[in-house]
Each structure stands twice: as structure tokens, then as C-alpha cells.
Protein backbone atom coordinates (compact mmCIF):
# COMPACT_ATOMS: atom_id res chain seq x y z
CA UNK A 1 -4.84 33.77 31.71
CA UNK A 2 -6.68 35.36 34.66
CA UNK A 3 -9.11 32.49 34.52
CA UNK A 4 -6.25 30.00 34.74
CA UNK A 5 -4.69 31.89 37.64
CA UNK A 6 -8.02 31.87 39.45
CA UNK A 7 -8.42 28.18 38.69
CA UNK A 8 -5.09 27.21 40.19
CA UNK A 9 -4.71 30.03 42.70
CA UNK A 10 -7.70 29.23 44.87
CA UNK A 11 -8.52 25.69 45.86
CA UNK A 12 -12.19 26.45 46.52
CA UNK A 13 -12.66 27.50 42.86
CA UNK A 14 -11.60 24.06 41.61
CA UNK A 15 -15.10 22.71 41.49
CA UNK A 16 -16.56 25.86 39.95
CA UNK A 17 -17.32 26.05 36.24
CA UNK A 18 -15.90 29.00 34.32
CA UNK A 19 -16.35 30.12 30.75
CA UNK A 20 -13.12 30.31 28.75
CA UNK A 21 -12.22 30.43 25.07
CA UNK A 22 -8.79 29.15 24.13
CA UNK A 23 -7.08 29.92 20.86
CA UNK A 24 -6.00 26.58 19.41
CA UNK A 25 -2.58 27.90 18.43
CA UNK A 26 -2.01 28.97 22.08
CA UNK A 27 -3.32 25.77 23.67
CA UNK A 28 0.01 23.94 23.72
CA UNK A 29 1.66 26.84 25.55
CA UNK A 30 -1.25 27.07 28.02
CA UNK A 31 -1.15 23.33 28.73
CA UNK A 32 2.63 23.43 29.19
CA UNK A 33 2.36 26.37 31.61
CA UNK A 34 -0.43 24.75 33.60
CA UNK A 35 1.39 21.41 33.72
CA UNK A 36 4.49 23.13 35.07
CA UNK A 37 2.41 25.02 37.66
CA UNK A 38 0.65 21.85 38.73
CA UNK A 39 3.96 20.00 39.06
CA UNK A 40 5.54 22.83 41.06
CA UNK A 41 2.48 22.85 43.32
CA UNK A 42 2.72 19.10 43.93
CA UNK A 43 6.50 18.75 44.29
CA UNK A 44 6.67 20.07 47.90
CA UNK A 45 3.85 17.70 48.84
CA UNK A 46 5.70 14.81 47.20
CA UNK A 47 8.91 15.81 49.01
CA UNK A 48 7.17 15.81 52.42
CA UNK A 49 5.70 12.38 51.85
CA UNK A 50 8.99 11.05 50.53
CA UNK A 51 10.60 12.13 53.81
CA UNK A 52 7.92 10.30 55.77
CA UNK A 53 8.37 7.16 53.66
CA UNK A 54 12.14 7.28 54.11
CA UNK A 55 11.71 7.49 57.89
CA UNK A 56 9.40 4.46 57.87
CA UNK A 57 11.83 2.52 55.69
CA UNK A 58 14.69 3.33 58.05
CA UNK A 59 12.55 2.22 60.99
CA UNK A 60 11.72 -1.06 59.22
CA UNK A 61 15.41 -1.70 58.69
CA UNK A 62 16.03 -1.11 62.41
CA UNK A 63 13.19 -3.50 63.24
CA UNK A 64 14.74 -6.11 60.94
CA UNK A 65 18.06 -5.90 62.81
CA UNK A 66 16.31 -6.02 66.19
CA UNK A 67 14.41 -9.14 65.10
CA UNK A 68 17.64 -10.90 64.15
CA UNK A 69 19.25 -9.95 67.51
CA UNK A 70 16.17 -10.72 69.66
CA UNK A 71 16.04 -13.63 72.09
CA UNK A 72 12.96 -15.85 72.13
CA UNK A 73 10.75 -15.94 75.20
CA UNK A 74 11.59 -18.53 77.87
CA UNK A 75 10.35 -22.08 78.09
CA UNK A 76 10.21 -22.65 74.33
CA UNK A 77 10.74 -26.16 73.03
CA UNK A 78 13.71 -26.95 70.82
CA UNK A 79 11.39 -27.70 67.94
CA UNK A 80 9.47 -24.43 68.47
CA UNK A 81 12.71 -22.45 68.71
CA UNK A 82 14.06 -24.02 65.50
CA UNK A 83 10.79 -23.34 63.67
CA UNK A 84 10.76 -19.76 64.96
CA UNK A 85 14.36 -19.14 63.83
CA UNK A 86 13.70 -20.27 60.25
CA UNK A 87 10.62 -18.10 59.98
CA UNK A 88 12.45 -15.20 61.59
CA UNK A 89 15.05 -15.42 58.82
CA UNK A 90 12.29 -15.39 56.20
CA UNK A 91 10.70 -12.27 57.71
CA UNK A 92 14.09 -10.54 57.97
CA UNK A 93 14.95 -11.37 54.36
CA UNK A 94 11.66 -9.98 53.13
CA UNK A 95 12.07 -6.82 55.20
CA UNK A 96 15.50 -6.39 53.61
CA UNK A 97 13.84 -6.87 50.22
CA UNK A 98 11.69 -3.80 50.95
CA UNK A 99 14.76 -1.62 51.53
CA UNK A 100 16.64 -3.10 48.60
CA UNK A 101 13.87 -2.65 46.02
CA UNK A 102 11.85 0.24 47.33
CA UNK A 103 14.09 3.21 46.44
CA UNK A 104 12.56 6.64 46.97
CA UNK A 105 13.17 8.76 43.79
CA UNK A 106 15.45 11.77 44.03
CA UNK A 107 13.26 13.64 41.53
CA UNK A 108 10.05 14.97 43.07
CA UNK A 109 8.05 14.71 39.82
CA UNK A 110 4.39 13.94 40.64
CA UNK A 111 4.08 11.55 37.71
CA UNK A 112 7.22 9.71 38.86
CA UNK A 113 5.73 9.67 42.37
CA UNK A 114 2.60 8.00 41.00
CA UNK A 115 4.70 5.29 39.34
CA UNK A 116 6.75 4.90 42.52
CA UNK A 117 3.54 4.43 44.51
CA UNK A 118 2.29 1.66 42.19
CA UNK A 119 5.63 -0.14 42.27
CA UNK A 120 5.98 0.22 46.05
CA UNK A 121 2.48 -1.14 46.68
CA UNK A 122 3.29 -4.12 44.48
CA UNK A 123 6.53 -4.81 46.40
CA UNK A 124 4.74 -4.45 49.74
CA UNK A 125 2.01 -6.86 48.66
CA UNK A 126 4.63 -9.43 47.62
CA UNK A 127 6.40 -9.11 50.99
CA UNK A 128 3.17 -9.48 52.92
CA UNK A 129 2.15 -12.53 50.87
CA UNK A 130 5.55 -14.08 51.54
CA UNK A 131 5.64 -13.32 55.27
CA UNK A 132 2.07 -13.81 56.51
CA UNK A 133 2.65 -17.40 57.70
CA UNK A 134 6.14 -16.61 59.04
CA UNK A 135 4.83 -13.67 61.05
CA UNK A 136 2.33 -16.00 62.69
CA UNK A 137 5.12 -18.40 63.70
CA UNK A 138 7.42 -15.71 65.16
CA UNK A 139 4.57 -14.11 67.08
CA UNK A 140 4.80 -16.80 69.78
CA UNK A 141 8.62 -16.44 70.12
CA UNK A 142 9.12 -12.72 69.50
CA UNK A 143 5.82 -11.07 70.42
CA UNK A 144 7.23 -7.54 70.86
CA UNK A 145 9.22 -7.62 67.61
CA UNK A 146 6.22 -9.10 65.82
CA UNK A 147 4.02 -6.25 67.00
CA UNK A 148 6.56 -3.59 65.99
CA UNK A 149 7.06 -5.13 62.53
CA UNK A 150 3.31 -5.29 61.89
CA UNK A 151 3.02 -1.69 62.98
CA UNK A 152 5.98 -0.66 60.80
CA UNK A 153 4.54 -2.36 57.71
CA UNK A 154 1.17 -0.72 58.39
CA UNK A 155 2.87 2.68 58.73
CA UNK A 156 4.66 2.11 55.44
CA UNK A 157 1.40 1.30 53.68
CA UNK A 158 -0.26 4.34 55.29
CA UNK A 159 2.65 6.52 54.20
CA UNK A 160 2.39 5.27 50.61
CA UNK A 161 -1.38 5.71 50.57
CA UNK A 162 -0.95 9.18 52.07
CA UNK A 163 1.44 10.08 49.21
CA UNK A 164 -1.01 8.97 46.54
CA UNK A 165 -4.11 10.48 48.14
CA UNK A 166 -2.37 13.84 48.48
CA UNK A 167 -1.37 13.99 44.79
CA UNK A 168 -4.18 11.94 43.25
CA UNK A 169 -6.28 14.91 42.11
CA UNK A 170 -3.20 16.72 40.86
CA UNK A 171 -2.05 13.59 38.99
CA UNK A 172 -5.44 13.28 37.33
CA UNK A 173 -5.17 16.90 36.27
CA UNK A 174 -1.66 16.37 34.91
CA UNK A 175 -2.83 13.29 33.03
CA UNK A 176 -5.76 15.30 31.69
CA UNK A 177 -3.39 18.06 30.56
CA UNK A 178 -1.18 15.41 28.98
CA UNK A 179 -4.17 14.05 27.03
CA UNK A 180 -5.02 17.58 25.88
CA UNK A 181 -1.42 18.10 24.72
CA UNK A 182 -1.49 14.78 22.88
CA UNK A 183 -4.79 15.68 21.19
CA UNK A 184 -3.39 19.08 20.15
CA UNK A 185 -0.37 17.43 18.54
CA UNK A 186 -2.62 14.93 16.78
CA UNK A 187 -4.83 17.73 15.41
CA UNK A 188 -1.70 19.53 14.18
CA UNK A 189 -0.42 16.34 12.56
CA UNK A 190 -3.71 15.81 10.72
CA UNK A 191 -3.76 19.49 9.70
CA UNK A 192 -0.29 19.14 8.19
CA UNK A 193 -1.32 15.97 6.38
CA UNK A 194 -4.45 17.70 5.08
CA UNK A 195 -2.38 20.64 3.88
CA UNK A 196 0.02 18.28 2.14
CA UNK A 197 -2.90 16.38 0.58
CA UNK A 198 -4.55 19.60 -0.64
CA UNK A 199 -1.28 20.74 -2.22
CA UNK A 200 -0.88 17.36 -3.87
CA UNK A 201 -4.39 17.59 -5.31
CA UNK A 202 -3.60 21.07 -6.61
CA UNK A 203 -0.40 19.80 -8.23
CA UNK A 204 -2.31 16.89 -9.78
CA UNK A 205 -4.89 19.29 -11.23
CA UNK A 206 -2.04 21.33 -12.70
CA UNK A 207 -0.59 18.17 -14.25
CA UNK A 208 -4.01 17.25 -15.61
CA UNK A 209 -4.53 20.71 -17.12
CA UNK A 210 -1.04 20.62 -18.63
CA UNK A 211 -1.66 17.21 -20.22
CA UNK A 212 -5.08 18.38 -21.44
CA UNK A 213 -3.53 21.46 -23.06
CA UNK A 214 -0.82 19.36 -24.73
CA UNK A 215 -3.49 16.91 -25.92
CA UNK A 216 -5.47 19.79 -27.44
CA UNK A 217 -2.39 21.06 -29.26
CA UNK A 218 -1.59 17.54 -30.52
CA UNK A 219 -5.19 17.10 -31.76
CA UNK A 220 -4.93 20.42 -33.59
CA UNK A 221 -1.65 19.40 -35.19
CA UNK A 222 -3.16 16.08 -36.25
CA UNK A 223 -6.19 17.82 -37.76
CA UNK A 224 -3.94 20.29 -39.56
CA UNK A 225 -1.79 17.43 -40.82
CA UNK A 226 -4.76 15.42 -42.06
CA UNK A 227 -6.04 18.50 -43.94
CA UNK A 228 -2.70 19.14 -45.64
CA UNK A 229 -2.03 18.59 -49.36
CA UNK A 230 0.72 16.09 -48.59
CA UNK A 231 -1.64 14.01 -46.46
CA UNK A 232 -4.25 14.11 -49.22
CA UNK A 233 -1.60 12.94 -51.66
CA UNK A 234 -0.69 10.09 -49.29
CA UNK A 235 -4.35 9.15 -49.02
CA UNK A 236 -4.67 9.05 -52.78
CA UNK A 237 -1.57 6.89 -53.05
CA UNK A 238 -3.03 4.46 -50.52
CA UNK A 239 -6.27 4.34 -52.52
CA UNK A 240 -4.32 3.65 -55.69
CA UNK A 241 -2.36 0.90 -53.94
CA UNK A 242 -5.62 -0.72 -52.79
CA UNK A 243 -6.94 -0.57 -56.37
CA UNK A 244 -3.79 -2.23 -57.71
CA UNK A 245 -3.92 -4.85 -54.97
CA UNK A 246 -7.50 -5.69 -55.98
CA UNK A 247 -6.42 -6.08 -59.59
CA UNK A 248 -3.53 -8.33 -58.52
CA UNK A 249 -5.97 -10.36 -56.40
CA UNK A 250 -8.32 -10.71 -59.39
CA UNK A 251 -5.48 -12.04 -61.55
CA UNK A 252 -4.47 -14.50 -58.81
CA UNK A 253 -8.09 -15.69 -58.49
CA UNK A 254 -8.25 -16.10 -62.29
CA UNK A 255 -4.99 -18.06 -62.21
CA UNK A 256 -6.31 -20.29 -59.44
CA UNK A 257 -9.40 -21.03 -61.53
CA UNK A 258 -7.13 -22.38 -64.30
CA UNK A 259 -6.12 -25.23 -61.99
CA UNK A 260 -9.55 -25.85 -60.43
CA UNK A 261 -10.60 -28.52 -63.00
CA UNK A 262 -7.31 -30.32 -62.24
CA UNK A 263 -7.72 -30.28 -58.44
CA UNK A 264 -8.90 -33.91 -58.22
CA UNK A 265 -6.10 -35.19 -60.44
CA UNK A 266 -3.43 -33.11 -58.65
CA UNK A 267 -4.72 -34.28 -55.25
CA UNK A 268 -4.39 -37.96 -56.26
CA UNK A 269 -0.90 -37.33 -57.64
CA UNK A 270 0.08 -35.89 -54.26
CA UNK A 271 -1.39 -38.83 -52.32
CA UNK A 272 0.40 -41.35 -54.53
CA UNK A 273 3.64 -39.39 -54.09
CA UNK A 274 3.25 -39.29 -50.30
CA UNK A 275 2.54 -43.04 -50.19
CA UNK A 276 5.45 -43.61 -52.56
CA UNK A 277 3.13 -45.49 -54.89
CA UNK A 278 4.24 -43.22 -57.73
CA UNK A 279 7.02 -40.88 -56.66
CA UNK A 280 7.34 -37.45 -58.30
CA UNK A 281 10.63 -35.88 -59.24
CA UNK A 282 11.80 -33.08 -56.89
CA UNK A 283 11.05 -30.44 -59.56
CA UNK A 284 7.53 -31.73 -60.24
CA UNK A 285 6.86 -32.06 -56.50
CA UNK A 286 7.89 -28.40 -56.06
CA UNK A 287 5.59 -27.32 -58.91
CA UNK A 288 2.70 -29.32 -57.40
CA UNK A 289 3.15 -27.58 -54.03
CA UNK A 290 3.40 -24.19 -55.75
CA UNK A 291 0.15 -24.82 -57.67
CA UNK A 292 -1.63 -25.68 -54.38
CA UNK A 293 -0.22 -22.75 -52.34
CA UNK A 294 0.15 -19.93 -54.91
CA UNK A 295 -0.87 -20.73 -58.47
CA UNK A 296 0.10 -17.25 -59.70
CA UNK A 297 3.74 -17.97 -58.83
CA UNK A 298 3.50 -21.48 -60.31
CA UNK A 299 2.64 -20.30 -63.82
CA UNK A 300 5.76 -18.13 -63.88
CA UNK A 301 7.79 -21.34 -63.74
CA UNK A 302 8.25 -23.96 -66.47
CA UNK A 303 5.33 -26.24 -65.68
CA UNK A 304 5.46 -28.15 -68.97
CA UNK A 305 7.23 -31.23 -67.46
CA UNK A 306 4.62 -31.37 -64.69
CA UNK A 307 1.71 -31.01 -67.15
CA UNK A 308 3.25 -33.66 -69.38
CA UNK A 309 3.49 -36.17 -66.49
CA UNK A 310 0.00 -35.26 -65.36
CA UNK A 311 -1.35 -35.90 -68.92
CA UNK A 312 0.35 -39.28 -69.14
CA UNK A 313 -0.99 -40.42 -65.77
CA UNK A 314 -4.51 -39.27 -66.57
CA UNK A 315 -4.48 -41.02 -69.93
CA UNK A 316 -2.98 -44.20 -68.45
CA UNK A 317 -5.70 -44.33 -65.84
CA UNK A 318 -3.15 -44.40 -62.97
CA UNK A 319 -5.05 -41.65 -61.15
CA UNK A 320 -8.32 -43.61 -61.23
CA UNK A 321 -10.40 -40.73 -62.60
CA UNK A 322 -13.74 -41.24 -64.31
CA UNK A 323 -13.86 -40.71 -68.06
CA UNK A 324 -15.81 -37.45 -67.84
CA UNK A 325 -13.34 -36.02 -65.32
CA UNK A 326 -10.39 -37.25 -67.41
CA UNK A 327 -11.76 -35.48 -70.45
CA UNK A 328 -12.36 -32.28 -68.50
CA UNK A 329 -8.85 -32.36 -67.02
CA UNK A 330 -7.16 -32.98 -70.37
CA UNK A 331 -9.01 -30.04 -71.94
CA UNK A 332 -7.86 -27.79 -69.08
CA UNK A 333 -4.24 -28.93 -69.59
CA UNK A 334 -4.57 -27.76 -73.19
CA UNK A 335 -5.64 -24.33 -71.87
CA UNK A 336 -2.61 -24.25 -69.59
CA UNK A 337 -0.37 -25.14 -72.49
CA UNK A 338 -1.66 -22.10 -74.36
CA UNK A 339 1.35 -19.81 -74.03
CA UNK A 340 -0.60 -16.73 -75.05
CA UNK A 341 -3.15 -17.08 -72.21
CA UNK A 342 -0.54 -17.78 -69.57
CA UNK A 343 1.84 -15.06 -70.74
CA UNK A 344 -0.96 -12.50 -70.62
CA UNK A 345 -1.74 -13.35 -66.99
CA UNK A 346 1.92 -13.30 -66.03
CA UNK A 347 2.52 -9.99 -67.78
CA UNK A 348 -0.48 -8.27 -66.29
CA UNK A 349 0.38 -9.47 -62.78
CA UNK A 350 3.98 -8.36 -63.19
CA UNK A 351 2.89 -4.91 -64.37
CA UNK A 352 0.57 -4.48 -61.39
CA UNK A 353 3.20 -5.69 -58.91
CA UNK A 354 5.69 -3.19 -60.33
CA UNK A 355 3.08 -0.48 -60.15
CA UNK A 356 2.37 -1.35 -56.53
CA UNK A 357 6.08 -1.21 -55.67
CA UNK A 358 6.38 2.20 -57.31
CA UNK A 359 3.36 3.50 -55.41
CA UNK A 360 4.70 2.10 -52.13
CA UNK A 361 8.09 3.70 -52.72
CA UNK A 362 6.40 7.01 -53.38
CA UNK A 363 4.23 6.64 -50.28
CA UNK A 364 7.19 5.65 -48.11
CA UNK A 365 9.12 8.66 -49.35
CA UNK A 366 6.52 10.89 -47.69
CA UNK A 367 7.23 11.76 -44.04
CA UNK A 368 3.58 12.60 -43.42
CA UNK A 369 2.65 9.16 -42.12
CA UNK A 370 5.59 9.05 -39.74
CA UNK A 371 4.57 12.48 -38.47
CA UNK A 372 1.00 11.24 -38.06
CA UNK A 373 2.22 8.18 -36.16
CA UNK A 374 4.35 10.34 -33.89
CA UNK A 375 1.45 12.68 -33.13
CA UNK A 376 -0.88 9.76 -32.46
CA UNK A 377 1.66 8.36 -30.00
CA UNK A 378 1.73 11.74 -28.26
CA UNK A 379 -2.07 11.77 -28.09
CA UNK A 380 -2.07 8.28 -26.61
CA UNK A 381 0.53 9.32 -24.04
CA UNK A 382 -1.42 12.44 -22.99
CA UNK A 383 -4.70 10.49 -22.75
CA UNK A 384 -3.02 7.90 -20.52
CA UNK A 385 -1.44 10.63 -18.41
CA UNK A 386 -4.80 12.34 -17.92
CA UNK A 387 -6.42 9.05 -16.96
CA UNK A 388 -3.67 8.21 -14.45
CA UNK A 389 -3.73 11.72 -12.94
CA UNK A 390 -7.52 11.59 -12.69
CA UNK A 391 -7.26 8.31 -10.75
CA UNK A 392 -4.66 9.90 -8.45
CA UNK A 393 -6.93 12.91 -7.89
CA UNK A 394 -9.84 10.62 -6.95
CA UNK A 395 -7.64 8.63 -4.58
CA UNK A 396 -6.13 11.72 -2.93
CA UNK A 397 -9.54 13.39 -2.66
CA UNK A 398 -10.88 10.36 -0.79
CA UNK A 399 -7.84 10.51 1.49
CA UNK A 400 -8.46 14.20 2.18
CA UNK A 401 -12.14 13.49 2.87
CA UNK A 402 -11.16 10.82 5.40
CA UNK A 403 -8.70 13.23 7.02
CA UNK A 404 -11.46 15.83 7.39
CA UNK A 405 -13.62 13.23 9.13
CA UNK A 406 -10.67 12.18 11.28
CA UNK A 407 -9.83 15.75 12.36
CA UNK A 408 -13.43 16.45 13.33
CA UNK A 409 -13.41 13.41 15.60
CA UNK A 410 -10.05 14.41 17.08
CA UNK A 411 -11.26 17.98 17.66
CA UNK A 412 -14.25 16.52 19.47
CA UNK A 413 -11.90 14.46 21.68
CA UNK A 414 -9.75 17.53 22.30
CA UNK A 415 -12.73 19.64 23.35
CA UNK A 416 -14.00 16.88 25.65
CA UNK A 417 -10.61 16.45 27.33
CA UNK A 418 -10.11 20.22 27.56
CA UNK A 419 -13.47 20.62 29.28
CA UNK A 420 -12.58 17.83 31.70
CA UNK A 421 -9.60 19.92 32.78
CA UNK A 422 -10.79 23.51 32.45
CA UNK A 423 -14.55 23.30 32.85
CA UNK A 424 -17.66 22.32 30.91
CA UNK A 425 -18.13 25.76 29.34
CA UNK A 426 -14.65 25.85 27.80
CA UNK A 427 -14.46 26.44 24.04
CA UNK A 428 -11.63 26.23 21.52
CA UNK A 429 -11.29 28.78 18.75
CA UNK A 430 -9.59 27.66 15.53
CA UNK A 431 -8.13 29.89 12.88
CA UNK A 432 -9.45 29.75 9.31
CA UNK A 433 -6.89 27.21 8.11
CA UNK A 434 -7.73 24.68 10.84
């Protein structure tokens, strides 16, 4: 702090460069102290200039009243007097505008004084722009008042400029301190966001590790389950079911082959039925459809009426088959009429279907597959969770990387602004967490 006291205590040291190292955590307090000192140093100066400005404003108001009460010089034409009066009113109104709008602040804050200066200069410029021509007109009628008003406006401008010039350096310093304070707060904000991001990444890693551990346990349970006797039994049952299903499929293929030589004849029967050339009975139409879609089910029905009609229509030539095909079809109908052949197929298929149902019932009675399904769902859930958490970690890591880049830039701005205020050799010391 001795350096700061020297810096503000002696005006001649202002342009000197001093070496100072500021602790970042103390910088806000230092800036606040120096801002308060600078303001207290400037307030008396502001107060003195405010007094001068008030005096000039009061004088301008007196000049306005004197202008309104003044008599024009002698030997002025009526037209000149009328023109002078209207312009006199314009000047007076604009002088009143100065007193109405230009209110000297009660607070002696240097920053408020700077804003007051800018506003006052703007008002004064507007008045001068509005009264330049009118002042020229009244000069011929009220030369003394014209001279006093010009002088009063010039004194007001000088007083305003004197205010700003006396606090300009101090204002720049206050603005510099304000920038430093803003940079400090921004660095703190980014630090807090970085800390929050780092904690979030840590939490995400914990979630990932937790899901990974649960996944490992689920994999172990699945392996243990698949190596169990019950699971082996279930596997054997499934193999047996597949074997039975193949045997059922073989019987169904064999059954389908029984109707293959009749496919042409059956197809023509269907076309004639659809065109209503020779309509089938509902029962025979149902059997025809069953033969086409699932022959193994068809032979379990009474197909004799259908085969009888088919024989008659082949022999009558209604189906338009060639002799060789007719002969082949009729022989196959004889095979289908062989009750022993058909019964054997039906019986074997029925036995295998019953066996399959028994095996399925036994398999379904085992809880092992439901357990396996449940574990596999757990594994899927943990894999998805790990993937989602991994994506979140990547996203948050990128965010943290960007914050690190951002804080380095902001620290650079802070150092630059701090050196502008406290000297080119100033340094800022950060703690380990910054």
C-alpha cells in the first residue's frame, strides 16, 4: 500500500513507473480504496467549479431579464424595432432554456460531473445554434446587452471546460479503475464457472465408473447364468424343439408334394370358380384354399368330396388338361385316397406337434430365460448410460477448455488495464486455484 500512497500522495510521482505486485484476491479491495481516494480528491475541485458555474448561470439569468427590460437605441425604424423585439424574445427564451435544463448536481461525484459536463455542452451548443442569427439582429438595437450576453455565454463555456479539464485526468483514472474492477469480476465469474464445470466433469466420471461397475457385475451374472445347469437344460430343450420343428417341416413338405401333380388341375378349378364358369360349393372352395395355403392342415379334413369333384372334372375334360397330365393327376388322386398313407402323415405330424408343445411348456416353465432377458436389458441400459455420460464428459471438457482460453484472455486484459492505472511494471499474483 505504500506504493499506492506514494502514487496518489504526490502529484509529481504520477508519471513515474513503479514496480508493484498485487494479489488477485486483494485487487478488488485495492481498486475500491483507490477509487474512493480519487473521488474524495476530486470532489472539492468539482465543488469549486460547480460554484463558478452557478454564478455564471445566475449572471446569465440577470442578463436575460435586462435584455427584456432594455430599450432599443434611438432612431430605429418601426420595422427594425419589430424585428429586433422578436429576435430578443428568441434569445431570452433560449437563455431561460439554459437555466431550466442545465441543473448543477447536488452530488459532487466526479463521474456525475463528467456526465453533467457532456449534457451541459450539448445544451449550450443547441442554444447557440438557435440564437446565432437572433443575436446578430439584436446587436444593432441592444449593443450593450448583446455584448454582455456573448460574454456570459463564453464564460459559461469556459467554466464548463474548466470543470472538465480539472477532473479529466482523475476521470480517466476512475474509468481505468472501473475497467480493472470489471475485469476482476469477470475473471472471478469465469473461475466460478470453471470450478462448476470441473466438478460436473468429476461427477460425470463417477457416474461413468458406477455404470461401468454395474455393467461388469451384470456381465458376470450373465456369464454365470449361461454356465448354469438350468441354462444348459434350456439350451437342450431349444435344440430339441428345433429338431422337432424340422421334422414337422419335413412332413409338411412331403404333404405338399402329394398335391404337386394336381397343381395345374387345382389352379384351373380355382379360375373357373372365380369366373363363375363352374362354381364350387363353399366346402370344396374352403378345401381348395387350404390345399394351396397349408396342405398339411387340408389332409386332416375330409377331402373326399373335393377329390371326387376333381376326378369327375378331369375325366370330363372340363379342365382342359392334356391326356398325359390327366393320367398323372388321376394316379395322384388314387394316392391321396389311400387312407393308410394319409393317416400316417397326419399321425406323425400330430405326434411331433404334441411333442413340440410339451417341450415348449417345459421351456416356458423355466425362469432362466426371463432372468437372462432381464440381465440383458440391464446391460443395454448400462451401455447406453456409459455412452451418454461419455458424450456429456466430452461436451463439458470442451466447455472447460474454452473457459480456460477465455480466462487467459481476460487475465491479459486485466493486466493491461491494471498497468494503465498503476504502471507498466505492475504484476498480478494469482493463487493456485486461479
